């Protein structure tokens, strides 16, 4: 069975009591980029949002989704990514021309914005929201500090994105790590910092049979999970890496007219028909996926005929 091209996978360095997780995005990332004409300098920011949404969603203990969102008046006016507990991922951002300057920090992009993390529980219809302080030059640095405080676990996070793919690596120091090896946490951070950019870099996701920093070309059937395993043993050659089952990440922007119809029914016939009378058609735009749904008078009649 071919391993998924887009995946997230947990692991633990058993001899050190340090846990981690990898995210690798290829075709799903290409689909996200295809929905808008994003300038190349914005790929890194959007990639951070997408990869972090997957990491946070992996911690959901219930049906629902994790949503990261910033709205402000700066060069980027909106950035949002959400990922369900089944790893259906969506992401987008809106920006002006000034956002394409290189070497911009998170504060340059969002000088007045607030980063809000929302955890939705669909089984109870309850939401939990928290504001993530924009403390750091990158989104990854902001979330390092957030995880340190919210989980009280020392955390280090690396995220990379290019036109070809996006990827992330997170390491977290568990309570017994210093007992196992007082120098282990510092060592693996240094190894990850030195190796991550090389192993991910611009080759986060490689084309079929392309040369690899991990060795010779990869066949499609070899699978990303095998590449992740090899990457981790390359990064941490002195440690006992135990991998958990990889989870496939999928595109969350499949069209769903049924969901839109359910939303229109929840608004009520009077409101929908008033919109129809004013505009001649009822239009619903999915902002994140950049998809439009249009309902003419016969469509509206069918929606409410029951």
Protein backbone atom coordinates (compact mmCIF):
# COMPACT_ATOMS: atom_id res chain seq x y z
CA UNK A 1 0.00 0.00 0.00
CA UNK A 2 1.44 3.39 -1.01
CA UNK A 3 2.03 5.77 1.89
CA UNK A 4 0.22 9.13 1.70
CA UNK A 5 2.02 11.98 -0.04
CA UNK A 6 0.65 14.43 2.54
CA UNK A 7 1.03 13.29 6.11
CA UNK A 8 1.71 14.02 9.73
CA UNK A 9 3.56 11.56 11.94
CA UNK A 10 4.39 11.49 15.63
CA UNK A 11 7.61 10.03 17.02
CA UNK A 12 9.50 9.73 20.27
CA UNK A 13 13.20 9.57 21.05
CA UNK A 14 12.83 6.82 23.61
CA UNK A 15 16.30 7.03 25.10
CA UNK A 16 15.81 10.76 25.79
CA UNK A 17 12.10 11.08 26.66
CA UNK A 18 11.66 13.69 23.92
CA UNK A 19 8.64 13.60 21.63
CA UNK A 20 8.11 15.14 18.24
CA UNK A 21 6.00 15.32 15.14
CA UNK A 22 6.59 15.87 11.44
CA UNK A 23 4.24 17.43 8.87
CA UNK A 24 4.87 17.05 5.16
CA UNK A 25 2.60 18.67 2.57
CA UNK A 26 2.84 18.14 -1.18
CA UNK A 27 -0.28 17.80 -3.37
CA UNK A 28 -2.48 19.42 -0.70
CA UNK A 29 -0.06 22.35 -0.55
CA UNK A 30 -0.14 22.67 -4.35
CA UNK A 31 -3.95 22.75 -4.20
CA UNK A 32 -3.87 25.53 -1.57
CA UNK A 33 -1.51 27.64 -3.69
CA UNK A 34 -3.55 27.05 -6.86
CA UNK A 35 -6.66 28.80 -5.48
CA UNK A 36 -5.06 32.25 -5.49
CA UNK A 37 -2.15 33.93 -7.17
CA UNK A 38 0.18 34.16 -4.17
CA UNK A 39 3.50 35.98 -4.65
CA UNK A 40 6.46 33.77 -3.80
CA UNK A 41 7.48 35.79 -0.68
CA UNK A 42 4.13 34.89 0.95
CA UNK A 43 4.60 31.13 0.59
CA UNK A 44 6.55 30.90 3.84
CA UNK A 45 3.86 32.68 5.88
CA UNK A 46 1.01 30.65 4.40
CA UNK A 47 3.02 27.46 4.84
CA UNK A 48 3.48 28.24 8.53
CA UNK A 49 -0.27 28.66 8.99
CA UNK A 50 -1.04 25.43 7.15
CA UNK A 51 1.56 23.25 8.88
CA UNK A 52 0.74 24.62 12.34
CA UNK A 53 -2.98 23.97 11.84
CA UNK A 54 -2.16 20.31 11.16
CA UNK A 55 0.06 20.08 14.25
CA UNK A 56 -2.62 21.56 16.50
CA UNK A 57 -5.41 19.45 14.99
CA UNK A 58 -3.42 16.31 15.77
CA UNK A 59 -3.97 17.05 19.46
CA UNK A 60 -7.78 17.16 19.22
CA UNK A 61 -9.41 14.57 21.46
CA UNK A 62 -12.88 14.99 19.94
CA UNK A 63 -14.54 15.57 16.54
CA UNK A 64 -13.93 19.15 15.52
CA UNK A 65 -11.35 21.46 14.04
CA UNK A 66 -8.49 23.78 14.93
CA UNK A 67 -8.65 27.27 13.41
CA UNK A 68 -5.81 29.81 13.28
CA UNK A 69 -6.82 33.30 12.21
CA UNK A 70 -5.35 36.79 12.10
CA UNK A 71 -7.23 39.86 10.90
CA UNK A 72 -5.66 43.31 10.88
CA UNK A 73 -4.95 46.48 8.96
CA UNK A 74 -1.38 45.72 7.92
CA UNK A 75 0.19 44.35 4.71
CA UNK A 76 -1.69 41.08 5.32
CA UNK A 77 -5.32 41.80 6.17
CA UNK A 78 -6.38 38.22 6.76
CA UNK A 79 -4.71 34.86 7.24
CA UNK A 80 -6.56 31.72 8.23
CA UNK A 81 -5.95 27.99 8.29
CA UNK A 82 -8.16 25.27 9.70
CA UNK A 83 -7.73 21.54 10.02
CA UNK A 84 -10.25 18.97 11.22
CA UNK A 85 -9.61 16.00 13.51
CA UNK A 86 -9.59 13.93 10.29
CA UNK A 87 -6.83 16.18 8.89
CA UNK A 88 -8.85 17.96 6.21
CA UNK A 89 -6.82 21.13 5.73
CA UNK A 90 -7.72 24.57 4.34
CA UNK A 91 -5.67 27.76 4.31
CA UNK A 92 -5.64 31.19 2.68
CA UNK A 93 -4.46 34.74 3.15
CA UNK A 94 -5.23 38.18 1.72
CA UNK A 95 -2.47 40.70 1.25
CA UNK A 96 -1.59 43.95 -0.43
CA UNK A 97 1.42 44.69 -2.59
CA UNK A 98 3.54 45.79 0.36
CA UNK A 99 3.36 42.27 1.81
CA UNK A 100 5.62 40.95 -0.94
CA UNK A 101 8.74 42.58 0.50
CA UNK A 102 11.25 39.94 1.56
CA UNK A 103 12.52 39.46 5.11
CA UNK A 104 9.32 40.69 6.73
CA UNK A 105 8.63 39.54 10.29
CA UNK A 106 5.28 38.51 11.72
CA UNK A 107 5.02 42.04 13.21
CA UNK A 108 5.54 43.58 9.78
CA UNK A 109 2.72 41.47 8.34
CA UNK A 110 0.33 42.07 11.26
CA UNK A 111 1.25 45.32 13.04
CA UNK A 112 -2.25 45.66 14.53
CA UNK A 113 -3.61 42.13 14.22
CA UNK A 114 -4.38 39.49 16.83
CA UNK A 115 -3.68 35.79 16.33
CA UNK A 116 -6.63 33.76 17.58
CA UNK A 117 -6.64 29.98 18.02
CA UNK A 118 -10.12 28.44 18.05
CA UNK A 119 -10.78 24.82 18.96
CA UNK A 120 -14.22 23.70 17.78
CA UNK A 121 -15.94 20.66 19.28
CA UNK A 122 -18.62 19.59 16.82
CA UNK A 123 -20.06 16.96 19.17
CA UNK A 124 -20.94 19.58 21.79
CA UNK A 125 -21.10 22.69 19.55
CA UNK A 126 -18.74 24.41 21.99
CA UNK A 127 -15.75 26.55 21.01
CA UNK A 128 -12.61 27.38 22.95
CA UNK A 129 -10.67 30.47 21.95
CA UNK A 130 -7.31 31.79 23.03
CA UNK A 131 -5.15 34.67 21.83
CA UNK A 132 -1.62 33.69 20.87
CA UNK A 133 0.74 36.61 21.59
CA UNK A 134 2.74 37.70 18.55
CA UNK A 135 6.03 37.26 20.39
CA UNK A 136 8.66 36.28 17.88
CA UNK A 137 9.87 37.06 14.37
CA UNK A 138 7.90 34.17 12.82
CA UNK A 139 4.66 32.36 13.46
CA UNK A 140 6.69 29.31 14.52
CA UNK A 141 8.45 31.32 17.23
CA UNK A 142 5.11 32.66 18.48
CA UNK A 143 3.78 29.13 18.85
CA UNK A 144 6.93 27.89 20.56
CA UNK A 145 6.21 30.35 23.35
CA UNK A 146 2.50 29.49 23.29
CA UNK A 147 3.19 25.75 23.70
CA UNK A 148 5.72 26.47 26.45
CA UNK A 149 3.03 28.29 28.42
CA UNK A 150 -0.14 26.34 27.57
CA UNK A 151 1.35 22.84 27.81
CA UNK A 152 4.23 23.79 30.13
CA UNK A 153 6.50 21.67 28.00
CA UNK A 154 9.71 23.14 26.49
CA UNK A 155 9.12 23.25 22.73
CA UNK A 156 11.13 23.92 19.61
CA UNK A 157 9.47 24.28 16.23
CA UNK A 158 10.80 24.53 12.68
CA UNK A 159 8.63 25.30 9.64
CA UNK A 160 9.68 25.63 6.00
CA UNK A 161 7.66 26.31 2.85
CA UNK A 162 8.41 26.88 -0.82
CA UNK A 163 6.37 26.62 -4.00
CA UNK A 164 7.08 22.87 -4.06
CA UNK A 165 5.96 21.96 -0.55
CA UNK A 166 5.62 22.78 3.12
CA UNK A 167 6.88 20.97 6.18
CA UNK A 168 7.24 21.26 9.92
CA UNK A 169 9.12 19.58 12.76
CA UNK A 170 8.27 20.00 16.43
CA UNK A 171 10.25 18.71 19.41
CA UNK A 172 9.01 18.74 23.00
CA UNK A 173 11.00 17.94 26.12
CA UNK A 174 9.11 15.61 28.48
CA UNK A 175 9.56 15.68 32.29
CA UNK A 176 12.08 12.83 32.53
CA UNK A 177 14.34 14.03 29.73
CA UNK A 178 17.00 15.51 32.01
CA UNK A 179 17.12 12.28 34.04
CA UNK A 180 17.81 10.32 30.88
CA UNK A 181 20.46 12.70 29.54
CA UNK A 182 21.10 16.21 30.94
CA UNK A 183 22.59 17.27 27.61
CA UNK A 184 20.13 15.45 25.35
CA UNK A 185 17.63 18.29 24.84
CA UNK A 186 20.33 20.77 23.82
CA UNK A 187 21.96 18.20 21.53
CA UNK A 188 18.84 17.22 19.57
CA UNK A 189 17.83 20.87 19.15
CA UNK A 190 21.22 21.60 17.65
CA UNK A 191 21.03 18.55 15.38
CA UNK A 192 17.55 19.51 14.22
CA UNK A 193 18.54 23.12 13.62
CA UNK A 194 21.54 22.06 11.55
CA UNK A 195 19.75 19.36 9.58
CA UNK A 196 16.19 20.58 9.13
CA UNK A 197 16.90 23.30 6.57
CA UNK A 198 19.12 20.89 4.61
CA UNK A 199 16.69 17.98 4.60
CA UNK A 200 13.56 20.07 4.10
CA UNK A 201 14.82 23.29 2.49
CA UNK A 202 13.55 23.64 -1.06
CA UNK A 203 13.23 19.87 -1.35
CA UNK A 204 10.50 19.38 1.21
CA UNK A 205 8.47 17.44 -1.33
CA UNK A 206 10.31 15.97 -4.27
CA UNK A 207 9.04 15.05 -7.67
CA UNK A 208 8.91 11.37 -8.54
CA UNK A 209 12.42 9.99 -9.09
CA UNK A 210 14.04 13.32 -8.23
CA UNK A 211 17.42 13.32 -6.46
CA UNK A 212 17.11 13.51 -2.69
CA UNK A 213 19.18 14.95 0.12
CA UNK A 214 18.47 11.66 1.86
CA UNK A 215 19.97 9.53 -0.89
CA UNK A 216 19.07 8.51 -4.43
CA UNK A 217 15.81 9.25 -6.22
CA UNK A 218 12.56 8.09 -4.66
CA UNK A 219 9.88 6.17 -6.47
CA UNK A 220 6.26 7.14 -5.91
CA UNK A 221 5.57 3.78 -4.28
CA UNK A 222 8.37 4.30 -1.75
CA UNK A 223 6.09 6.74 0.06
CA UNK A 224 6.56 9.75 2.27
CA UNK A 225 6.41 7.69 5.46
CA UNK A 226 9.64 5.90 4.53
CA UNK A 227 11.23 9.27 3.73
CA UNK A 228 10.14 10.62 7.13
CA UNK A 229 11.66 7.61 8.89
CA UNK A 230 14.92 8.06 7.03
CA UNK A 231 14.93 11.79 7.68
CA UNK A 232 14.52 11.30 11.43
CA UNK A 233 17.24 8.67 11.68
CA UNK A 234 19.47 11.04 9.70
CA UNK A 235 18.69 13.93 12.04
CA UNK A 236 19.06 11.86 15.23
CA UNK A 237 21.55 9.06 14.47
CA UNK A 238 22.48 8.53 18.14
CA UNK A 239 18.92 8.07 19.39
CA UNK A 240 16.20 5.42 19.44
CA UNK A 241 13.50 6.83 17.17
CA UNK A 242 10.09 5.17 17.58
CA UNK A 243 7.58 6.14 14.91
CA UNK A 244 3.83 6.09 15.31
CA UNK A 245 1.40 5.45 12.48
CA UNK A 246 1.42 8.22 9.85
CA UNK A 247 -1.87 10.07 9.38
CA UNK A 248 -2.80 11.26 5.88
CA UNK A 249 -3.58 14.95 5.40
CA UNK A 250 -6.21 15.75 2.76
CA UNK A 251 -7.56 18.76 0.95
CA UNK A 252 -10.42 20.27 2.92
CA UNK A 253 -11.74 22.26 -0.04
CA UNK A 254 -13.86 19.65 -1.76
CA UNK A 255 -17.13 21.21 -2.93
CA UNK A 256 -20.11 20.44 -0.71
CA UNK A 257 -23.39 21.87 -1.94
CA UNK A 258 -25.25 19.92 0.74
CA UNK A 259 -23.53 21.92 3.50
CA UNK A 260 -24.37 25.19 1.79
CA UNK A 261 -28.00 24.14 1.38
CA UNK A 262 -28.15 23.22 5.06
CA UNK A 263 -26.81 26.68 5.91
CA UNK A 264 -29.44 28.37 3.72
CA UNK A 265 -32.20 26.32 5.35
CA UNK A 266 -30.94 27.42 8.76
CA UNK A 267 -31.35 31.07 7.65
CA UNK A 268 -35.00 30.46 6.86
CA UNK A 269 -37.08 30.75 3.71
CA UNK A 270 -38.07 34.38 4.22
CA UNK A 271 -34.49 35.65 4.44
CA UNK A 272 -33.25 33.57 1.49
CA UNK A 273 -36.18 34.62 -0.72
CA UNK A 274 -35.61 38.27 0.24
CA UNK A 275 -32.01 37.96 -0.98
CA UNK A 276 -33.24 36.28 -4.15
CA UNK A 277 -35.75 39.08 -4.80
CA UNK A 278 -33.07 41.75 -4.32
CA UNK A 279 -30.29 40.20 -6.40
CA UNK A 280 -32.03 37.71 -8.69
CA UNK A 281 -29.77 34.95 -7.42
CA UNK A 282 -28.48 33.76 -4.04
CA UNK A 283 -24.69 33.64 -4.05
CA UNK A 284 -22.61 32.00 -1.33
CA UNK A 285 -18.85 32.46 -1.49
CA UNK A 286 -16.51 30.14 0.38
CA UNK A 287 -13.74 32.62 1.19
CA UNK A 288 -11.09 30.13 2.31
CA UNK A 289 -11.51 27.78 -0.65
CA UNK A 290 -12.32 30.58 -3.11
CA UNK A 291 -15.38 28.70 -4.34
CA UNK A 292 -18.78 30.14 -5.27
CA UNK A 293 -22.23 28.57 -5.04
CA UNK A 294 -25.14 30.15 -6.95
CA UNK A 295 -28.83 29.39 -6.47
CA UNK A 296 -31.50 30.70 -8.86
CA UNK A 297 -35.24 30.83 -8.11
CA UNK A 298 -35.91 27.16 -9.05
CA UNK A 299 -33.00 26.07 -6.82
CA UNK A 300 -34.34 28.03 -3.86
CA UNK A 301 -37.80 26.55 -4.39
CA UNK A 302 -36.34 23.01 -4.29
CA UNK A 303 -34.36 23.79 -1.14
CA UNK A 304 -37.52 24.70 0.76
CA UNK A 305 -40.05 22.46 -0.96
CA UNK A 306 -39.96 19.98 1.93
